[in-house]
PDB file of N, CA and C in Angstrom:
ATOM      1  N   MET A   1      12.416  11.134 -12.853  1.00  0.00           N
ATOM      2  CA  MET A   1      12.115   9.750 -12.343  1.00  0.00           C
ATOM      3  C   MET A   1      12.247   9.393 -11.006  1.00  0.00           C
ATOM      4  N   THR A   2      11.507   8.953 -10.081  1.00  0.00           N
ATOM      5  CA  THR A   2      11.399   9.036  -8.751  1.00  0.00           C
ATOM      6  C   THR A   2      12.208   7.524  -8.276  1.00  0.00           C
ATOM      7  N   TRP A   3      12.240   7.679  -7.256  1.00  0.00           N
ATOM      8  CA  TRP A   3      13.351   6.596  -6.247  1.00  0.00           C
ATOM      9  C   TRP A   3      12.089   5.462  -6.720  1.00  0.00           C
ATOM     10  N   LEU A   4      11.050   5.637  -5.796  1.00  0.00           N
ATOM     11  CA  LEU A   4      10.082   4.579  -6.560  1.00  0.00           C
ATOM     12  C   LEU A   4       9.817   3.909  -7.837  1.00  0.00           C
ATOM     13  N   ASP A   5      10.283   4.460  -8.975  1.00  0.00           N
ATOM     14  CA  ASP A   5       9.579   5.246 -10.438  1.00  0.00           C
ATOM     15  C   ASP A   5      11.032   3.498 -10.742  1.00  0.00           C
ATOM     16  N   GLN A   6      12.475   4.311 -10.851  1.00  0.00           N
ATOM     17  CA  GLN A   6      13.284   3.980 -10.878  1.00  0.00           C
ATOM     18  C   GLN A   6      12.877   1.701  -9.820  1.00  0.00           C
ATOM     19  N   ILE A   7      12.992   2.123  -8.495  1.00  0.00           N
ATOM     20  CA  ILE A   7      12.657   0.624  -8.434  1.00  0.00           C
ATOM     21  C   ILE A   7      11.713  -0.597  -8.492  1.00  0.00           C
ATOM     22  N   THR A   8      10.896   0.642  -9.349  1.00  0.00           N
ATOM     23  CA  THR A   8       9.576  -0.165 -10.062  1.00  0.00           C
ATOM     24  C   THR A   8       9.887  -0.851 -11.494  1.00  0.00           C
ATOM     25  N   THR A   9      10.940   0.161 -11.246  1.00  0.00           N
ATOM     26  CA  THR A   9      11.411  -0.007 -13.449  1.00  0.00           C
ATOM     27  C   THR A   9      12.289  -1.633 -13.017  1.00  0.00           C
ATOM     28  N   SER A  10      13.367  -1.529 -11.696  1.00  0.00           N
ATOM     29  CA  SER A  10      14.078  -2.364 -11.622  1.00  0.00           C
ATOM     30  C   SER A  10      13.327  -4.131 -11.106  1.00  0.00           C
ATOM     31  N   LEU A  11      12.088  -3.184 -10.229  1.00  0.00           N
ATOM     32  CA  LEU A  11      11.620  -5.065  -9.920  1.00  0.00           C
ATOM     33  C   LEU A  11      11.052  -5.732 -11.226  1.00  0.00           C
ATOM     34  N   ALA A  12      10.421  -4.534 -12.314  1.00  0.00           N
ATOM     35  CA  ALA A  12       9.555  -5.561 -12.972  1.00  0.00           C
ATOM     36  C   ALA A  12      11.148  -5.726 -14.499  1.00  0.00           C
ATOM     37  N   ASP A  13      11.933  -5.752 -14.875  1.00  0.00           N
ATOM     38  CA  ASP A  13      13.398  -6.273 -15.675  1.00  0.00           C
ATOM     39  C   ASP A  13      13.541  -7.555 -14.595  1.00  0.00           C
ATOM     40  N   GLU A  14      13.410  -7.301 -13.800  1.00  0.00           N
ATOM     41  CA  GLU A  14      13.822  -8.690 -13.182  1.00  0.00           C
ATOM     42  C   GLU A  14      13.140  -9.719 -12.579  1.00  0.00           C
ATOM     43  N   THR A  15      12.207  -9.208 -13.143  1.00  0.00           N
ATOM     44  CA  THR A  15      11.014 -10.616 -12.100  1.00  0.00           C
ATOM     45  C   THR A  15      10.169 -10.809 -14.107  1.00  0.00           C
ATOM     46  N   GLY A  16      10.372  -9.994 -14.739  1.00  0.00           N
ATOM     47  CA  GLY A  16       9.389 -10.451 -15.950  1.00  0.00           C
ATOM     48  C   GLY A  16       8.234  -9.936 -15.383  1.00  0.00           C
ATOM     49  N   VAL A  17       7.310  -8.446 -14.717  1.00  0.00           N
ATOM     50  CA  VAL A  17       6.423  -8.914 -14.533  1.00  0.00           C
ATOM     51  C   VAL A  17       6.192  -7.146 -15.166  1.00  0.00           C
ATOM     52  N   ASP A  18       4.776  -7.082 -16.225  1.00  0.00           N
ATOM     53  CA  ASP A  18       4.895  -6.163 -16.523  1.00  0.00           C
ATOM     54  C   ASP A  18       5.253  -4.989 -15.398  1.00  0.00           C
ATOM     55  N   VAL A  19       6.032  -3.849 -15.558  1.00  0.00           N
ATOM     56  CA  VAL A  19       5.954  -2.974 -15.820  1.00  0.00           C
ATOM     57  C   VAL A  19       4.516  -1.631 -15.012  1.00  0.00           C
ATOM     58  N   SER A  20       3.215  -1.470 -15.869  1.00  0.00           N
ATOM     59  CA  SER A  20       1.875  -1.213 -16.115  1.00  0.00           C
ATOM     60  C   SER A  20       1.465  -1.919 -14.542  1.00  0.00           C
ATOM     61  N   MET A  21       2.082  -3.056 -14.502  1.00  0.00           N
ATOM     62  CA  MET A  21       1.211  -3.268 -13.224  1.00  0.00           C
ATOM     63  C   MET A  21       1.319  -3.343 -11.474  1.00  0.00           C
ATOM     64  N   LEU A  22       2.601  -2.274 -11.482  1.00  0.00           N
ATOM     65  CA  LEU A  22       3.557  -2.027 -10.287  1.00  0.00           C
ATOM     66  C   LEU A  22       3.114  -0.342 -10.008  1.00  0.00           C
ATOM     67  N   GLU A  23       2.988   0.503 -11.465  1.00  0.00           N
ATOM     68  CA  GLU A  23       2.822   1.486 -11.273  1.00  0.00           C
ATOM     69  C   GLU A  23       1.405   1.864  -9.896  1.00  0.00           C
ATOM     70  N   LEU A  24       0.996   2.512  -9.524  1.00  0.00           N
ATOM     71  CA  LEU A  24       0.928   3.086  -8.516  1.00  0.00           C
ATOM     72  C   LEU A  24       0.476   4.334  -8.873  1.00  0.00           C
ATOM     73  N   SER A  25      -1.214   4.863  -8.791  1.00  0.00           N
ATOM     74  CA  SER A  25      -2.159   5.870  -9.760  1.00  0.00           C
ATOM     75  C   SER A  25      -1.466   6.746  -7.964  1.00  0.00           C
ATOM     76  N   PRO A  26      -1.410   8.853  -8.099  1.00  0.00           N
ATOM     77  CA  PRO A  26      -0.996   9.730  -7.154  1.00  0.00           C
ATOM     78  C   PRO A  26      -2.194   9.868  -5.800  1.00  0.00           C
ATOM     79  N   ASP A  27      -3.651   9.135  -6.424  1.00  0.00           N
ATOM     80  CA  ASP A  27      -4.326   8.592  -5.723  1.00  0.00           C
ATOM     81  C   ASP A  27      -4.104   7.393  -3.964  1.00  0.00           C
ATOM     82  N   THR A  28      -4.476   6.061  -4.549  1.00  0.00           N
ATOM     83  CA  THR A  28      -3.185   5.672  -4.980  1.00  0.00           C
ATOM     84  C   THR A  28      -2.476   5.658  -3.530  1.00  0.00           C
ATOM     85  N   VAL A  29      -0.826   6.040  -4.188  1.00  0.00           N
ATOM     86  CA  VAL A  29      -0.092   6.568  -3.433  1.00  0.00           C
ATOM     87  C   VAL A  29      -0.934   7.575  -2.037  1.00  0.00           C
ATOM     88  N   ARG A  30      -1.228   8.254  -2.346  1.00  0.00           N
ATOM     89  CA  ARG A  30      -2.120   9.490  -0.449  1.00  0.00           C
ATOM     90  C   ARG A  30      -3.197   8.391   0.335  1.00  0.00           C
ATOM     91  N   ALA A  31      -3.695   6.915  -0.360  1.00  0.00           N
ATOM     92  CA  ALA A  31      -4.262   6.166   0.470  1.00  0.00           C
ATOM     93  C   ALA A  31      -3.655   5.635   0.375  1.00  0.00           C
ATOM     94  N   LEU A  32      -2.449   4.857   0.167  1.00  0.00           N
ATOM     95  CA  LEU A  32      -1.489   3.952   0.656  1.00  0.00           C
ATOM     96  C   LEU A  32      -0.423   5.114   2.510  1.00  0.00           C
ATOM     97  N   LEU A  33      -0.460   5.758   1.609  1.00  0.00           N
ATOM     98  CA  LEU A  33       0.089   7.267   2.480  1.00  0.00           C
ATOM     99  C   LEU A  33      -0.290   7.399   4.125  1.00  0.00           C
ATOM    100  N   ASP A  34      -1.784   7.735   3.766  1.00  0.00           N
ATOM    101  CA  ASP A  34      -2.727   7.848   4.893  1.00  0.00           C
ATOM    102  C   ASP A  34      -2.727   6.679   5.055  1.00  0.00           C
ATOM    103  N   VAL A  35      -2.850   5.273   4.980  1.00  0.00           N
ATOM    104  CA  VAL A  35      -3.183   4.474   5.353  1.00  0.00           C
ATOM    105  C   VAL A  35      -1.890   4.088   6.648  1.00  0.00           C
ATOM    106  N   ALA A  36      -0.971   4.227   6.655  1.00  0.00           N
ATOM    107  CA  ALA A  36       0.488   4.441   6.242  1.00  0.00           C
ATOM    108  C   ALA A  36       0.085   5.024   7.816  1.00  0.00           C
ATOM    109  N   ARG A  37      -0.390   5.984   8.010  1.00  0.00           N
ATOM    110  CA  ARG A  37       0.093   7.059   9.075  1.00  0.00           C
ATOM    111  C   ARG A  37      -1.004   6.412  10.189  1.00  0.00           C
ATOM    112  N   VAL A  38      -2.402   6.250   9.454  1.00  0.00           N
ATOM    113  CA  VAL A  38      -3.090   5.160  10.033  1.00  0.00           C
ATOM    114  C   VAL A  38      -2.810   4.507  11.574  1.00  0.00           C
ATOM    115  N   ALA A  39      -2.147   3.417  10.536  1.00  0.00           N
ATOM    116  CA  ALA A  39      -1.199   2.776  11.236  1.00  0.00           C
ATOM    117  C   ALA A  39      -0.220   2.910  12.232  1.00  0.00           C
ATOM    118  N   SER A  40       0.317   4.032  11.713  1.00  0.00           N
ATOM    119  CA  SER A  40       1.411   4.086  12.753  1.00  0.00           C
ATOM    120  C   SER A  40       0.862   4.659  14.234  1.00  0.00           C
ATOM    121  N   HIS A  41       0.530   5.351  13.656  1.00  0.00           N
ATOM    122  CA  HIS A  41      -0.209   6.834  14.753  1.00  0.00           C
ATOM    123  C   HIS A  41      -1.560   5.607  15.438  1.00  0.00           C
ATOM    124  N   SER A  42      -2.531   4.871  15.474  1.00  0.00           N
ATOM    125  CA  SER A  42      -3.607   4.501  15.972  1.00  0.00           C
ATOM    126  C   SER A  42      -2.233   3.431  16.989  1.00  0.00           C
ATOM    127  N   SER A  43      -1.229   2.305  16.273  1.00  0.00           N
ATOM    128  CA  SER A  43      -0.562   1.130  16.691  1.00  0.00           C
ATOM    129  C   SER A  43       0.147   1.720  17.826  1.00  0.00           C
ATOM    130  N   GLY A  44       0.659   3.032  17.809  1.00  0.00           N
ATOM    131  CA  GLY A  44       1.840   3.542  18.107  1.00  0.00           C
ATOM    132  C   GLY A  44       3.361   2.982  17.872  1.00  0.00           C
ATOM    133  N   GLU A  45       3.490   1.766  16.535  1.00  0.00           N
ATOM    134  CA  GLU A  45       3.656   1.427  16.326  1.00  0.00           C
ATOM    135  C   GLU A  45       4.882   1.598  15.144  1.00  0.00           C
ATOM    136  N   ARG A  46       5.822   2.604  14.552  1.00  0.00           N
ATOM    137  CA  ARG A  46       5.848   2.666  13.089  1.00  0.00           C
ATOM    138  C   ARG A  46       6.097   1.563  12.092  1.00  0.00           C
ATOM    139  N   ILE A  47       6.035   0.327  13.380  1.00  0.00           N
ATOM    140  CA  ILE A  47       7.124  -1.049  12.880  1.00  0.00           C
ATOM    141  C   ILE A  47       5.544  -1.687  11.867  1.00  0.00           C
ATOM    142  N   TYR A  48       4.282  -0.913  12.461  1.00  0.00           N
ATOM    143  CA  TYR A  48       3.236  -1.678  11.301  1.00  0.00           C
ATOM    144  C   TYR A  48       3.001  -0.659   9.773  1.00  0.00           C
ATOM    145  N   ALA A  49       2.841   0.433   9.420  1.00  0.00           N
ATOM    146  CA  ALA A  49       2.714   1.131   7.808  1.00  0.00           C
ATOM    147  C   ALA A  49       2.966   0.231   7.446  1.00  0.00           C
ATOM    148  N   PRO A  50       4.671  -0.467   7.305  1.00  0.00           N
ATOM    149  CA  PRO A  50       4.167  -1.330   5.673  1.00  0.00           C
ATOM    150  C   PRO A  50       4.632  -2.359   5.508  1.00  0.00           C
ATOM    151  N   LEU A  51       3.676  -2.665   7.544  1.00  0.00           N
ATOM    152  CA  LEU A  51       3.355  -4.683   7.764  1.00  0.00           C
ATOM    153  C   LEU A  51       2.395  -4.712   6.544  1.00  0.00           C
ATOM    154  N   LEU A  52       1.166  -3.408   6.926  1.00  0.00           N
ATOM    155  CA  LEU A  52      -0.007  -3.633   6.548  1.00  0.00           C
ATOM    156  C   LEU A  52      -0.293  -3.350   5.082  1.00  0.00           C
ATOM    157  N   CYS A  53       0.303  -2.499   4.645  1.00  0.00           N
ATOM    158  CA  CYS A  53       0.336  -2.244   3.293  1.00  0.00           C
ATOM    159  C   CYS A  53       0.882  -3.130   2.165  1.00  0.00           C
ATOM    160  N   TYR A  54       2.081  -4.662   3.035  1.00  0.00           N
ATOM    161  CA  TYR A  54       1.900  -5.610   2.662  1.00  0.00           C
ATOM    162  C   TYR A  54       0.841  -5.956   2.763  1.00  0.00           C
ATOM    163  N   VAL A  55      -0.093  -6.162   3.624  1.00  0.00           N
ATOM    164  CA  VAL A  55      -0.895  -7.233   3.927  1.00  0.00           C
ATOM    165  C   VAL A  55      -1.620  -6.147   2.761  1.00  0.00           C
ATOM    166  N   LEU A  56      -1.802  -5.556   2.676  1.00  0.00           N
ATOM    167  CA  LEU A  56      -3.070  -4.883   1.580  1.00  0.00           C
ATOM    168  C   LEU A  56      -3.241  -4.854   0.146  1.00  0.00           C
ATOM    169  N   GLY A  57      -0.949  -4.954   0.104  1.00  0.00           N
ATOM    170  CA  GLY A  57      -1.293  -5.292  -1.753  1.00  0.00           C
ATOM    171  C   GLY A  57      -1.570  -6.639  -0.989  1.00  0.00           C
ATOM    172  N   MET A  58      -1.569  -7.907  -0.374  1.00  0.00           N
ATOM    173  CA  MET A  58      -1.957  -9.154  -0.597  1.00  0.00           C
ATOM    174  C   MET A  58      -3.619  -9.653  -1.095  1.00  0.00           C
ATOM    175  N   LEU A  59      -3.859  -8.514   0.078  1.00  0.00           N
ATOM    176  CA  LEU A  59      -5.253  -8.376  -1.054  1.00  0.00           C
ATOM    177  C   LEU A  59      -5.800  -8.100  -2.263  1.00  0.00           C
ATOM    178  N   SER A  60      -5.064  -7.215  -2.736  1.00  0.00           N
ATOM    179  CA  SER A  60      -4.894  -6.468  -3.228  1.00  0.00           C
ATOM    180  C   SER A  60      -5.721  -7.738  -4.650  1.00  0.00           C
ATOM    181  N   SER A  61      -4.294  -8.259  -4.224  1.00  0.00           N
ATOM    182  CA  SER A  61      -3.298  -9.353  -5.190  1.00  0.00           C
ATOM    183  C   SER A  61      -4.653 -10.809  -5.631  1.00  0.00           C
ATOM    184  N   ARG A  62      -5.610 -10.783  -4.947  1.00  0.00           N
ATOM    185  CA  ARG A  62      -6.580 -11.626  -4.411  1.00  0.00           C
ATOM    186  C   ARG A  62      -8.238 -11.147  -4.221  1.00  0.00           C
ATOM    187  N   GLY A  63      -8.327  -9.394  -4.803  1.00  0.00           N
ATOM    188  CA  GLY A  63      -9.259  -9.372  -5.656  1.00  0.00           C
ATOM    189  C   GLY A  63     -10.020  -8.628  -4.687  1.00  0.00           C
ATOM    190  N   VAL A  64      -9.332  -8.453  -3.819  1.00  0.00           N
ATOM    191  CA  VAL A  64      -9.579  -6.988  -2.832  1.00  0.00           C
ATOM    192  C   VAL A  64      -9.384  -5.248  -2.838  1.00  0.00           C
ATOM    193  N   PRO A  65     -10.458  -4.946  -3.543  1.00  0.00           N
ATOM    194  CA  PRO A  65     -10.458  -3.984  -3.886  1.00  0.00           C
ATOM    195  C   PRO A  65     -10.274  -2.827  -2.555  1.00  0.00           C
ATOM    196  N   LEU A  66      -8.582  -1.975  -2.678  1.00  0.00           N
ATOM    197  CA  LEU A  66      -8.033  -1.451  -2.089  1.00  0.00           C
ATOM    198  C   LEU A  66      -8.644  -0.034  -1.129  1.00  0.00           C
ATOM    199  N   GLU A  67      -9.699   0.396  -2.059  1.00  0.00           N
ATOM    200  CA  GLU A  67     -11.096   1.077  -1.002  1.00  0.00           C
ATOM    201  C   GLU A  67     -11.314   0.769   0.203  1.00  0.00           C
ATOM    202  N   GLN A  68     -11.954  -0.599  -0.668  1.00  0.00           N
ATOM    203  CA  GLN A  68     -12.634  -1.475   0.651  1.00  0.00           C
ATOM    204  C   GLN A  68     -11.715  -1.810   1.759  1.00  0.00           C
ATOM    205  N   ALA A  69     -10.198  -2.506   1.480  1.00  0.00           N
ATOM    206  CA  ALA A  69      -9.645  -2.978   2.855  1.00  0.00           C
ATOM    207  C   ALA A  69      -9.251  -1.571   4.039  1.00  0.00           C
ATOM    208  N   ILE A  70      -8.615  -0.320   3.174  1.00  0.00           N
ATOM    209  CA  ILE A  70      -8.679   0.461   3.625  1.00  0.00           C
ATOM    210  C   ILE A  70      -9.503   0.890   4.535  1.00  0.00           C
ATOM    211  N   ALA A  71     -10.486   1.281   3.849  1.00  0.00           N
ATOM    212  CA  ALA A  71     -11.860   1.141   4.566  1.00  0.00           C
ATOM    213  C   ALA A  71     -12.062   0.693   6.459  1.00  0.00           C
ATOM    214  N   VAL A  72     -11.963  -0.558   5.819  1.00  0.00           N
ATOM    215  CA  VAL A  72     -11.910  -1.970   7.298  1.00  0.00           C
ATOM    216  C   VAL A  72     -11.020  -0.945   8.401  1.00  0.00           C
ATOM    217  N   VAL A  73      -9.411  -0.638   7.630  1.00  0.00           N
ATOM    218  CA  VAL A  73      -8.558  -0.388   8.757  1.00  0.00           C
ATOM    219  C   VAL A  73      -9.201   1.281   9.260  1.00  0.00           C
ATOM    220  N   GLN A  74      -9.645   1.994   8.033  1.00  0.00           N
ATOM    221  CA  GLN A  74     -10.034   2.613   9.112  1.00  0.00           C
ATOM    222  C   GLN A  74     -10.849   3.536  10.197  1.00  0.00           C
ATOM    223  N   ARG A  75     -12.322   1.925  10.187  1.00  0.00           N
ATOM    224  CA  ARG A  75     -12.860   1.913  10.847  1.00  0.00           C
ATOM    225  C   ARG A  75     -12.691   1.134  12.377  1.00  0.00           C
ATOM    226  N   LYS A  76     -11.393   0.020  11.939  1.00  0.00           N
ATOM    227  CA  LYS A  76     -11.325  -0.068  13.392  1.00  0.00           C
ATOM    228  C   LYS A  76     -10.449   1.099  13.680  1.00  0.00           C
ATOM    229  N   ALA A  77      -9.367   1.330  13.129  1.00  0.00           N
ATOM    230  CA  ALA A  77      -8.839   2.419  13.997  1.00  0.00           C
ATOM    231  C   ALA A  77      -9.831   4.122  14.937  1.00  0.00           C
ATOM    232  N   SER A  78     -11.187   3.580  14.164  1.00  0.00           N
ATOM    233  CA  SER A  78     -11.321   4.966  14.681  1.00  0.00           C
ATOM    234  C   SER A  78     -12.530   4.609  16.064  1.00  0.00           C
ATOM    235  N   SER A  79     -12.586   3.685  16.114  1.00  0.00           N
ATOM    236  CA  SER A  79     -12.999   2.981  17.184  1.00  0.00           C
ATOM    237  C   SER A  79     -12.404   2.234  18.285  1.00  0.00           C
ATOM    238  N   GLU A  80     -10.723   2.392  18.236  1.00  0.00           N
ATOM    239  CA  GLU A  80     -10.712   2.701  19.543  1.00  0.00           C
ATOM    240  C   GLU A  80      -9.901   3.708  20.009  1.00  0.00           C
TER     241      GLU A  80
END
């Protein structure tokens, strides 16, 4: 079990959220790591990577598909 799996399980246990709602697929992990890299490199600031991932999570919780939100970030980064 990875560190992320352990933390996710603990968060689910202690908040009453079903752990399956928090699990990330390998494709999602790759997409988030890639967009975090884009945020860091295009902004020049590493601090934006976790903040952007949080914003993407907020959008996702409001029904915006992750792929759509990531596409916006990638378009914006490539136009700069």
